[in-house]
Structures are given as C-alpha cells and as structure tokens.
Amino acid sequence: MSGTDQHLTVWSPAPSSPSEEELRILSSWTQESGIAENATARRS
C-alpha cells in the first residue's frame, strides 16, 4: 500500500507546481514552431 501511496504522491500535482509557467513555455514554444513551419511552407 505504501508503494501505491508514493506513486499517487508523485503523480498528484503539488500546490506549488509551476503548471502555469510550464503551460506558458509550452504555448510559446508551440507558437514559435508553428510560425517557423508556416514561414518554411511559404518559402517552399
């Protein structure tokens, strides 16, 4: 049971988890990738 509890603790998001910051970085990275792909497609 303790092993399962540890897994739950590991997978459950902590109150101080930088979820907003991660989403911000992920969204900005996705936007940059999309812009790069669009620019490459337009050049081709």
PDB file of N, CA and C in Angstrom:
ATOM      1  N   MET A   1       0.831  -1.215   0.000  1.00  0.00           N
ATOM      2  CA  MET A   1       0.000   0.000   0.000  1.00  0.00           C
ATOM      3  C   MET A   1       0.860   1.257   0.000  1.00  0.00           C
ATOM      4  N   SER A   2       1.966   1.205   0.730  1.00  0.00           N
ATOM      5  CA  SER A   2       2.822   2.400   0.804  1.00  0.00           C
ATOM      6  C   SER A   2       3.373   2.729  -0.577  1.00  0.00           C
ATOM      7  N   GLY A   3       3.678   1.697  -1.368  1.00  0.00           N
ATOM      8  CA  GLY A   3       4.208   1.937  -2.713  1.00  0.00           C
ATOM      9  C   GLY A   3       3.177   2.668  -3.556  1.00  0.00           C
ATOM     10  N   THR A   4       1.903   2.240  -3.445  1.00  0.00           N
ATOM     11  CA  THR A   4       0.846   2.905  -4.214  1.00  0.00           C
ATOM     12  C   THR A   4       0.710   4.348  -3.752  1.00  0.00           C
ATOM     13  N   ASP A   5       0.793   4.561  -2.436  1.00  0.00           N
ATOM     14  CA  ASP A   5       0.678   5.928  -1.919  1.00  0.00           C
ATOM     15  C   ASP A   5       1.800   6.797  -2.488  1.00  0.00           C
ATOM     16  N   GLN A   6       3.004   6.245  -2.569  1.00  0.00           N
ATOM     17  CA  GLN A   6       4.120   7.025  -3.112  1.00  0.00           C
ATOM     18  C   GLN A   6       3.837   7.388  -4.565  1.00  0.00           C
ATOM     19  N   HIS A   7       3.330   6.441  -5.350  1.00  0.00           N
ATOM     20  CA  HIS A   7       3.031   6.727  -6.760  1.00  0.00           C
ATOM     21  C   HIS A   7       1.985   7.833  -6.845  1.00  0.00           C
ATOM     22  N   LEU A   8       0.949   7.746  -6.007  1.00  0.00           N
ATOM     23  CA  LEU A   8      -0.094   8.773  -6.036  1.00  0.00           C
ATOM     24  C   LEU A   8       0.509  10.126  -5.691  1.00  0.00           C
ATOM     25  N   THR A   9       1.415  10.139  -4.705  1.00  0.00           N
ATOM     26  CA  THR A   9       2.040  11.405  -4.318  1.00  0.00           C
ATOM     27  C   THR A   9       2.881  11.960  -5.460  1.00  0.00           C
ATOM     28  N   VAL A  10       3.559  11.076  -6.173  1.00  0.00           N
ATOM     29  CA  VAL A  10       4.427  11.519  -7.265  1.00  0.00           C
ATOM     30  C   VAL A  10       3.595  12.074  -8.412  1.00  0.00           C
ATOM     31  N   TRP A  11       2.479  11.381  -8.733  1.00  0.00           N
ATOM     32  CA  TRP A  11       1.687  11.790  -9.897  1.00  0.00           C
ATOM     33  C   TRP A  11       0.735  12.928  -9.567  1.00  0.00           C
ATOM     34  N   SER A  12       0.354  13.105  -8.292  1.00  0.00           N
ATOM     35  CA  SER A  12      -0.568  14.193  -7.956  1.00  0.00           C
ATOM     36  C   SER A  12       0.176  15.522  -8.016  1.00  0.00           C
ATOM     37  N   PRO A  13      -0.395  16.542  -8.663  1.00  0.00           N
ATOM     38  CA  PRO A  13       0.282  17.836  -8.786  1.00  0.00           C
ATOM     39  C   PRO A  13       0.419  18.524  -7.436  1.00  0.00           C
ATOM     40  N   ALA A  14       1.585  19.064  -7.164  1.00  0.00           N
ATOM     41  CA  ALA A  14       1.810  19.764  -5.900  1.00  0.00           C
ATOM     42  C   ALA A  14       1.223  21.169  -5.984  1.00  0.00           C
ATOM     43  N   PRO A  15       0.803  21.750  -4.850  1.00  0.00           N
ATOM     44  CA  PRO A  15       0.226  23.100  -4.850  1.00  0.00           C
ATOM     45  C   PRO A  15       1.194  24.139  -5.416  1.00  0.00           C
ATOM     46  N   SER A  16       2.486  23.886  -5.266  1.00  0.00           N
ATOM     47  CA  SER A  16       3.486  24.859  -5.725  1.00  0.00           C
ATOM     48  C   SER A  16       4.058  24.461  -7.084  1.00  0.00           C
ATOM     49  N   SER A  17       3.361  23.567  -7.796  1.00  0.00           N
ATOM     50  CA  SER A  17       3.875  23.132  -9.103  1.00  0.00           C
ATOM     51  C   SER A  17       3.723  24.261 -10.114  1.00  0.00           C
ATOM     52  N   PRO A  18       4.764  24.557 -10.889  1.00  0.00           N
ATOM     53  CA  PRO A  18       4.715  25.648 -11.879  1.00  0.00           C
ATOM     54  C   PRO A  18       3.932  25.241 -13.116  1.00  0.00           C
ATOM     55  N   SER A  19       2.647  24.894 -12.937  1.00  0.00           N
ATOM     56  CA  SER A  19       1.844  24.460 -14.084  1.00  0.00           C
ATOM     57  C   SER A  19       1.627  25.621 -15.046  1.00  0.00           C
ATOM     58  N   GLU A  20       1.334  26.798 -14.504  1.00  0.00           N
ATOM     59  CA  GLU A  20       1.098  27.963 -15.364  1.00  0.00           C
ATOM     60  C   GLU A  20       2.357  28.302 -16.154  1.00  0.00           C
ATOM     61  N   GLU A  21       3.511  28.253 -15.480  1.00  0.00           N
ATOM     62  CA  GLU A  21       4.766  28.581 -16.170  1.00  0.00           C
ATOM     63  C   GLU A  21       5.040  27.548 -17.260  1.00  0.00           C
ATOM     64  N   GLU A  22       4.805  26.270 -16.947  1.00  0.00           N
ATOM     65  CA  GLU A  22       5.040  25.222 -17.949  1.00  0.00           C
ATOM     66  C   GLU A  22       4.119  25.428 -19.141  1.00  0.00           C
ATOM     67  N   LEU A  23       2.840  25.735 -18.880  1.00  0.00           N
ATOM     68  CA  LEU A  23       1.897  25.960 -19.981  1.00  0.00           C
ATOM     69  C   LEU A  23       2.337  27.160 -20.800  1.00  0.00           C
ATOM     70  N   ARG A  24       2.825  28.195 -20.118  1.00  0.00           N
ATOM     71  CA  ARG A  24       3.265  29.402 -20.829  1.00  0.00           C
ATOM     72  C   ARG A  24       4.435  29.059 -21.765  1.00  0.00           C
ATOM     73  N   ILE A  25       5.420  28.322 -21.236  1.00  0.00           N
ATOM     74  CA  ILE A  25       6.582  27.947 -22.054  1.00  0.00           C
ATOM     75  C   ILE A  25       6.138  27.039 -23.198  1.00  0.00           C
ATOM     76  N   LEU A  26       5.255  26.089 -22.889  1.00  0.00           N
ATOM     77  CA  LEU A  26       4.810  25.151 -23.915  1.00  0.00           C
ATOM     78  C   LEU A  26       4.062  25.883 -25.017  1.00  0.00           C
ATOM     79  N   SER A  27       3.173  26.803 -24.640  1.00  0.00           N
ATOM     80  CA  SER A  27       2.398  27.535 -25.646  1.00  0.00           C
ATOM     81  C   SER A  27       3.309  28.418 -26.489  1.00  0.00           C
ATOM     82  N   SER A  28       4.259  29.095 -25.861  1.00  0.00           N
ATOM     83  CA  SER A  28       5.174  29.968 -26.608  1.00  0.00           C
ATOM     84  C   SER A  28       6.024  29.129 -27.554  1.00  0.00           C
ATOM     85  N   TRP A  29       6.484  27.956 -27.091  1.00  0.00           N
ATOM     86  CA  TRP A  29       7.297  27.084 -27.948  1.00  0.00           C
ATOM     87  C   TRP A  29       6.464  26.595 -29.126  1.00  0.00           C
ATOM     88  N   THR A  30       5.186  26.271 -28.869  1.00  0.00           N
ATOM     89  CA  THR A  30       4.305  25.797 -29.943  1.00  0.00           C
ATOM     90  C   THR A  30       4.076  26.904 -30.952  1.00  0.00           C
ATOM     91  N   GLN A  31       3.875  28.133 -30.467  1.00  0.00           N
ATOM     92  CA  GLN A  31       3.645  29.255 -31.377  1.00  0.00           C
ATOM     93  C   GLN A  31       4.881  29.479 -32.244  1.00  0.00           C
ATOM     94  N   GLU A  32       6.061  29.443 -31.635  1.00  0.00           N
ATOM     95  CA  GLU A  32       7.293  29.649 -32.399  1.00  0.00           C
ATOM     96  C   GLU A  32       7.446  28.544 -33.444  1.00  0.00           C
ATOM     97  N   SER A  33       7.149  27.304 -33.064  1.00  0.00           N
ATOM     98  CA  SER A  33       7.270  26.194 -34.009  1.00  0.00           C
ATOM     99  C   SER A  33       6.281  26.382 -35.148  1.00  0.00           C
ATOM    100  N   GLY A  34       5.049  26.781 -34.826  1.00  0.00           N
ATOM    101  CA  GLY A  34       4.043  26.991 -35.863  1.00  0.00           C
ATOM    102  C   GLY A  34       4.466  28.092 -36.816  1.00  0.00           C
ATOM    103  N   ILE A  35       5.003  29.188 -36.279  1.00  0.00           N
ATOM    104  CA  ILE A  35       5.450  30.298 -37.129  1.00  0.00           C
ATOM    105  C   ILE A  35       6.582  29.823 -38.036  1.00  0.00           C
ATOM    106  N   ALA A  36       7.523  29.076 -37.486  1.00  0.00           N
ATOM    107  CA  ALA A  36       8.651  28.585 -38.283  1.00  0.00           C
ATOM    108  C   ALA A  36       8.141  27.667 -39.389  1.00  0.00           C
ATOM    109  N   GLU A  37       7.193  26.787 -39.054  1.00  0.00           N
ATOM    110  CA  GLU A  37       6.655  25.867 -40.060  1.00  0.00           C
ATOM    111  C   GLU A  37       5.936  26.653 -41.153  1.00  0.00           C
ATOM    112  N   ASN A  38       5.155  27.662 -40.764  1.00  0.00           N
ATOM    113  CA  ASN A  38       4.433  28.460 -41.754  1.00  0.00           C
ATOM    114  C   ASN A  38       5.420  29.197 -42.659  1.00  0.00           C
ATOM    115  N   ALA A  39       6.465  29.768 -42.079  1.00  0.00           N
ATOM    116  CA  ALA A  39       7.453  30.504 -42.872  1.00  0.00           C
ATOM    117  C   ALA A  39       8.135  29.553 -43.854  1.00  0.00           C
ATOM    118  N   THR A  40       8.484  28.363 -43.383  1.00  0.00           N
ATOM    119  CA  THR A  40       9.134  27.387 -44.267  1.00  0.00           C
ATOM    120  C   THR A  40       8.182  26.968 -45.378  1.00  0.00           C
ATOM    121  N   ALA A  41       6.921  26.772 -45.052  1.00  0.00           N
ATOM    122  CA  ALA A  41       5.942  26.348 -46.061  1.00  0.00           C
ATOM    123  C   ALA A  41       5.769  27.453 -47.099  1.00  0.00           C
ATOM    124  N   ARG A  42       5.739  28.695 -46.655  1.00  0.00           N
ATOM    125  CA  ARG A  42       5.568  29.808 -47.592  1.00  0.00           C
ATOM    126  C   ARG A  42       6.779  29.916 -48.516  1.00  0.00           C
ATOM    127  N   ARG A  43       7.979  29.733 -47.962  1.00  0.00           N
ATOM    128  CA  ARG A  43       9.185  29.809 -48.792  1.00  0.00           C
ATOM    129  C   ARG A  43       9.163  28.699 -49.840  1.00  0.00           C
ATOM    130  N   SER A  44       8.702  27.515 -49.444  1.00  0.00           N
ATOM    131  CA  SER A  44       8.635  26.394 -50.384  1.00  0.00           C
ATOM    132  C   SER A  44       7.454  26.631 -51.323  1.00  0.00           C
TER     133      SER A  44
END
